[in-house]
Protein backbone atom coordinates (compact mmCIF):
# COMPACT_ATOMS: atom_id res chain seq x y z
CA MET A 1 17.44 17.30 93.10
CA PHE A 2 15.35 16.56 90.21
CA GLY A 3 14.82 13.14 90.93
CA LEU A 4 13.96 14.04 94.65
CA HIS A 5 11.52 16.40 93.11
CA SER A 6 10.00 13.33 91.20
CA VAL A 7 9.22 11.15 93.91
CA ALA A 8 7.89 13.47 95.84
CA HIS A 9 5.35 14.41 92.95
CA GLN A 10 4.84 10.64 92.59
CA ARG A 11 3.78 10.36 95.80
CA THR A 12 1.17 12.70 95.89
CA ILE A 13 -0.65 11.22 92.69
CA PRO A 14 -2.73 8.37 94.67
CA ASP A 15 -3.93 10.96 97.07
CA MET A 16 -5.07 13.07 94.61
CA ILE A 17 -7.20 10.33 92.87
CA ARG A 18 -8.30 9.18 96.63
CA ASP A 19 -9.61 12.69 96.90
CA LYS A 20 -11.69 12.81 93.64
CA SER A 21 -12.75 9.25 94.33
CA ALA A 22 -13.88 10.19 97.64
CA LYS A 23 -15.70 13.33 96.56
CA LYS A 24 -17.44 11.49 93.50
CA ALA A 25 -18.86 8.86 95.98
CA LYS A 26 -20.13 11.51 98.26
CA ASP A 27 -21.60 13.28 95.63
CA LEU A 28 -23.37 9.56 94.26
CA ALA A 29 -24.24 8.91 97.97
CA ARG A 30 -26.29 12.13 98.19
CA LYS A 31 -27.88 12.36 94.90
CA GLU A 32 -28.54 8.84 94.15
CA PRO A 33 -28.15 6.73 96.92
CA LYS A 34 -29.47 3.42 95.68
CA LYS A 35 -26.61 3.80 92.81
CA ALA A 36 -24.13 4.44 95.57
CA ALA A 37 -24.98 1.29 97.60
CA LYS A 38 -24.59 -0.80 94.21
CA ALA A 39 -21.16 0.82 93.70
CA ALA A 40 -20.09 0.17 97.08
CA LYS A 41 -20.98 -3.37 96.79
CA GLY A 42 -19.07 -3.61 93.36
CA VAL A 43 -21.74 -3.58 90.93
CA ILE A 44 -20.97 -2.02 87.79
CA VAL A 45 -23.86 0.77 87.56
CA VAL A 46 -24.67 1.27 84.03
CA ALA A 47 -26.25 4.95 83.33
CA PRO A 48 -29.57 5.38 81.39
CA PRO A 49 -30.21 6.73 78.18
CA SER A 50 -30.39 10.35 77.99
CA PHE A 51 -32.60 13.34 75.88
CA ARG A 52 -29.31 15.05 75.50
CA ARG A 53 -28.98 14.79 71.73
CA GLU A 54 -32.50 15.39 71.17
CA ARG A 55 -32.46 18.41 73.29
CA ALA A 56 -29.36 19.99 71.38
CA LEU A 57 -31.44 19.41 68.08
CA ILE A 58 -34.61 21.22 69.54
CA LYS A 59 -32.06 24.16 70.86
CA ARG A 60 -31.01 24.74 67.30
CA GLY A 61 -34.83 24.69 65.93
CA VAL A 62 -34.79 20.94 64.54
CA TRP A 63 -38.02 19.28 65.26
CA PRO A 64 -39.12 16.55 65.12
CA VAL A 65 -37.10 14.24 66.22
CA ALA A 66 -37.37 10.43 66.07
CA GLY A 67 -35.25 7.53 67.41
CA CYS A 68 -35.95 4.20 65.56
CA ASP A 69 -34.84 0.75 66.49
CA GLU A 70 -35.62 -3.17 65.15
CA ALA A 71 -36.24 -6.43 67.51
CA GLY A 72 -35.62 -9.88 66.03
CA ARG A 73 -32.58 -9.78 63.71
CA GLY A 74 -31.36 -13.31 65.47
CA PRO A 75 -34.21 -15.70 65.83
CA LEU A 76 -34.60 -18.52 63.01
CA ALA A 77 -38.71 -17.52 63.00
CA GLY A 78 -41.08 -14.78 62.66
CA PRO A 79 -40.59 -11.45 61.23
CA VAL A 80 -38.41 -8.20 61.86
CA VAL A 81 -40.27 -5.52 63.80
CA ALA A 82 -39.00 -1.94 63.37
CA ALA A 83 -40.35 0.90 65.30
CA ALA A 84 -40.17 4.55 65.25
CA VAL A 85 -40.68 6.93 68.37
CA ILE A 86 -41.10 10.69 68.72
CA LEU A 87 -40.95 11.60 72.36
CA ASP A 88 -42.99 14.92 73.39
CA PRO A 89 -40.08 16.49 75.45
CA LYS A 90 -42.95 17.60 78.27
CA ARG A 91 -44.17 14.08 79.06
CA ILE A 92 -41.36 11.57 78.64
CA PRO A 93 -42.20 8.55 80.64
CA LYS A 94 -39.87 7.73 83.63
CA GLY A 95 -37.57 4.63 83.50
CA ILE A 96 -37.17 4.51 79.50
CA ASP A 97 -34.22 2.11 79.02
CA ASP A 98 -32.47 -0.17 76.49
CA SER A 99 -35.37 -2.97 76.23
CA LYS A 100 -32.57 -5.57 77.05
CA ARG A 101 -32.16 -3.98 80.40
CA LEU A 102 -35.58 -4.07 81.38
CA SER A 103 -38.07 -6.71 82.81
CA ALA A 104 -41.17 -8.15 80.32
CA GLU A 105 -43.41 -6.49 83.13
CA LYS A 106 -41.53 -3.14 82.63
CA ARG A 107 -41.48 -3.12 79.09
CA GLU A 108 -45.17 -3.83 78.99
CA GLU A 109 -45.76 -0.94 81.20
CA LEU A 110 -43.44 1.29 79.57
CA PHE A 111 -45.12 0.42 75.98
CA GLU A 112 -48.39 1.53 77.19
CA LYS A 113 -46.94 4.64 78.64
CA ILE A 114 -44.90 5.60 75.57
CA CYS A 115 -47.67 4.98 73.04
CA ALA A 116 -50.12 7.23 75.39
CA THR A 117 -47.57 10.21 75.07
CA SER A 118 -45.59 9.90 71.62
CA SER A 119 -45.87 9.32 68.12
CA VAL A 120 -45.35 5.96 67.42
CA ALA A 121 -45.07 3.64 64.04
CA VAL A 122 -44.07 0.22 63.51
CA ALA A 123 -43.20 -1.78 60.59
CA PHE A 124 -42.65 -5.47 60.19
CA ALA A 125 -40.27 -7.42 57.56
CA SER A 126 -41.54 -10.91 57.08
CA PRO A 127 -39.87 -14.00 56.78
CA ALA A 128 -40.33 -14.34 53.01
CA ARG A 129 -38.76 -10.77 52.73
CA ILE A 130 -35.75 -11.80 54.78
CA ASP A 131 -34.92 -14.88 52.84
CA ARG A 132 -35.05 -12.59 49.35
CA ASP A 133 -33.24 -9.90 50.95
CA ASN A 134 -30.95 -11.01 53.74
CA ILE A 135 -31.67 -10.17 57.27
CA LEU A 136 -29.65 -6.73 57.21
CA ARG A 137 -31.61 -5.13 54.26
CA ALA A 138 -34.74 -6.45 55.56
CA SER A 139 -34.15 -4.48 58.83
CA LEU A 140 -32.96 -1.55 57.37
CA TRP A 141 -36.01 -1.53 54.93
CA ALA A 142 -38.63 -2.07 57.83
CA LEU A 143 -36.63 0.82 59.73
CA LYS A 144 -37.20 3.01 57.12
CA ARG A 145 -41.09 2.14 56.58
CA ALA A 146 -41.82 2.76 60.39
CA VAL A 147 -39.89 5.99 59.88
CA GLN A 148 -41.69 6.91 57.03
CA ALA A 149 -45.28 5.87 58.72
CA LEU A 150 -45.02 8.17 61.45
CA PRO A 151 -48.02 10.56 61.78
CA GLU A 152 -45.97 13.79 61.80
CA ALA A 153 -42.43 13.54 59.43
CA PRO A 154 -39.17 13.99 61.40
CA SER A 155 -36.71 16.58 60.75
CA HIS A 156 -34.19 14.24 62.13
CA VAL A 157 -34.02 10.42 62.84
CA PHE A 158 -31.53 8.67 65.10
CA VAL A 159 -30.93 5.21 64.53
CA ASP A 160 -29.32 2.31 66.59
CA GLY A 161 -26.35 0.66 64.98
CA ARG A 162 -23.76 1.54 62.11
CA ASP A 163 -26.01 2.10 59.21
CA LYS A 164 -27.65 5.11 58.28
CA LEU A 165 -31.34 5.33 56.73
CA ASP A 166 -32.42 6.28 53.12
CA THR A 167 -34.71 8.34 54.62
CA ALA A 168 -35.83 12.18 53.46
CA CYS A 169 -34.55 14.00 56.48
CA GLU A 170 -31.13 14.05 58.27
CA CYS A 171 -30.01 10.22 59.78
CA GLU A 172 -27.53 9.96 62.51
CA ALA A 173 -26.64 6.16 63.43
CA VAL A 174 -25.74 5.73 66.82
CA ILE A 175 -23.66 2.35 67.74
CA GLY A 176 -25.25 1.25 70.93
CA GLY A 177 -27.84 4.02 70.56
CA ASP A 178 -30.64 2.28 72.72
CA GLY A 179 -28.46 2.44 75.71
CA LEU A 180 -27.60 6.20 74.78
CA VAL A 181 -30.48 8.08 72.84
CA MET A 182 -33.84 8.15 74.98
CA SER A 183 -35.86 7.99 71.28
CA ILE A 184 -33.97 4.86 70.52
CA ALA A 185 -34.54 3.31 73.63
CA ALA A 186 -38.19 4.12 73.64
CA ALA A 187 -38.32 2.62 69.82
CA SER A 188 -36.52 -0.30 71.27
CA ILE A 189 -39.32 -1.02 73.82
CA ILE A 190 -42.28 -0.60 71.31
CA ALA A 191 -40.43 -3.06 68.82
CA LYS A 192 -39.79 -5.53 71.36
CA VAL A 193 -43.06 -5.64 72.98
CA THR A 194 -44.97 -5.66 69.55
CA ARG A 195 -42.98 -8.39 68.57
CA ASP A 196 -43.35 -10.35 71.69
CA ARG A 197 -46.82 -10.25 71.83
CA LEU A 198 -46.51 -11.29 67.79
CA MET A 199 -44.86 -14.34 68.27
CA CYS A 200 -46.91 -15.27 71.28
CA ALA A 201 -49.74 -15.32 68.42
CA LEU A 202 -47.57 -17.11 66.09
CA ALA A 203 -47.67 -20.01 68.72
CA GLN A 204 -51.49 -19.98 68.72
CA ASP A 205 -51.08 -20.64 64.76
CA CYS A 206 -48.38 -23.19 65.07
CA PRO A 207 -48.47 -24.99 68.58
CA GLY A 208 -45.33 -27.47 69.45
CA TYR A 209 -42.37 -24.82 68.67
CA GLY A 210 -42.74 -22.58 71.89
CA PHE A 211 -42.67 -19.43 70.22
CA GLU A 212 -44.60 -18.07 72.95
CA GLN A 213 -41.52 -18.86 75.24
CA HIS A 214 -38.34 -18.23 73.28
CA LYS A 215 -40.17 -15.85 70.62
CA GLY A 216 -38.20 -17.70 67.71
CA TYR A 217 -34.66 -17.52 68.98
CA GLY A 218 -32.39 -20.58 68.20
CA VAL A 219 -32.58 -21.91 72.09
CA PRO A 220 -32.00 -25.94 72.61
CA ASP A 221 -36.05 -26.61 72.86
CA HIS A 222 -36.64 -24.66 69.54
CA LEU A 223 -33.98 -26.32 67.59
CA GLU A 224 -35.35 -29.93 69.05
CA ALA A 225 -38.71 -28.93 67.74
CA LEU A 226 -37.60 -27.83 64.59
CA ASP A 227 -35.66 -30.91 64.19
CA ARG A 228 -38.81 -32.90 65.09
CA LEU A 229 -41.41 -31.22 63.12
CA GLY A 230 -39.41 -29.37 60.50
CA PRO A 231 -40.01 -26.01 59.43
CA SER A 232 -43.10 -24.09 59.64
CA VAL A 233 -44.54 -21.25 57.33
CA HIS A 234 -43.15 -18.57 60.00
CA HIS A 235 -39.52 -19.80 59.65
CA ARG A 236 -36.66 -18.09 58.02
CA SER A 237 -35.62 -20.59 55.16
CA LEU A 238 -32.29 -19.58 54.67
CA PHE A 239 -30.88 -19.35 58.43
CA ALA A 240 -28.68 -22.70 58.93
CA PRO A 241 -30.67 -24.74 61.50
CA VAL A 242 -33.73 -23.99 59.30
CA VAL A 243 -31.74 -25.23 56.39
CA ALA A 244 -31.33 -28.49 58.21
CA ALA A 245 -34.53 -29.48 59.33
CA ARG A 246 -35.65 -28.71 55.76
CA ALA A 247 -33.15 -31.09 54.34
CA LYS A 248 -34.50 -33.62 56.67
CA HIS A 249 -38.36 -33.14 56.31
CA MET A 250 -38.58 -31.46 52.93
CA PRO A 251 -34.89 -32.19 51.13
CA TRP A 252 -36.48 -31.10 47.31
CA THR A 253 -36.69 -27.69 48.57
CA VAL A 254 -33.02 -27.61 49.54
CA GLU A 255 -32.27 -28.78 46.15
CA ARG A 256 -34.34 -26.13 44.16
CA ASP A 257 -32.43 -23.47 46.39
CA LEU A 258 -29.17 -25.03 45.84
CA PHE A 259 -30.24 -25.04 41.83
CA SER A 260 -31.40 -21.20 41.78
CA ALA A 261 -28.24 -20.16 43.52
CA THR A 262 -26.09 -22.00 40.88
CA ALA A 263 -28.21 -20.79 38.19
CA GLN A 264 -27.98 -17.47 39.28
CA ALA A 265 -24.29 -17.64 39.99
CA GLU A 266 -23.81 -18.57 36.12
CA VAL A 267 -25.85 -15.34 35.07
CA ASP A 268 -23.45 -13.49 37.12
CA ALA A 269 -20.43 -15.07 35.51
CA SER A 270 -21.63 -14.31 32.11
CA GLY A 271 -22.61 -10.78 32.95
CA VAL A 272 -25.99 -11.13 31.27
């Protein structure tokens, strides 16, 4: 009897799943027909970031709430650009998303709208600071500076990633935050557009590297130019492809770095 009951129960599970799936599909088709059409074709639909976390803090009386993010950790040249944004809950521009999901044209459009309706601040970590501190510390330094530069001091800060900032207010790190938290997504747009514009300006200062195209990232055209021309003043000296180019074009700088590293290691070992 038990076995028959189990079999009968198991046969109802697929029907239950189909019923729920059908209801969800109908609801999606009614509310958002474009997403429903993509889902029907097997396209994965990614939900945009929301203002839910910020709104929850506002309801508790916590305001202003800022989001911050950076652009340019991975490139071989140019600074890291950090941005902090406090969105106006009553004037949030439509279409804000993780900057990586947006076209360059859409980012530019949203950049102007965010700057017109929100409190915005930007900070830079130069290649020299990146070489001195390492890319992570330089990025966190720039993010903190961006928060400090906001016209109004925030009471809570959301930051993209796993590292909290040493800010005067509460800071909450959100992994994948630029795709989850609206304020962080807005900051990602500001940082990305600002850095892209800066790299286009650096391309005028240092022609031949193609900064206006690849924005300093290590694409094949950039690596070829780096090997052919050697590093510019805008390159990050300690990133591996740049070290290789320095060894070819300026070997004495690589020898100097090795001497400095050895001397520092001896000091650390002696405990002086």
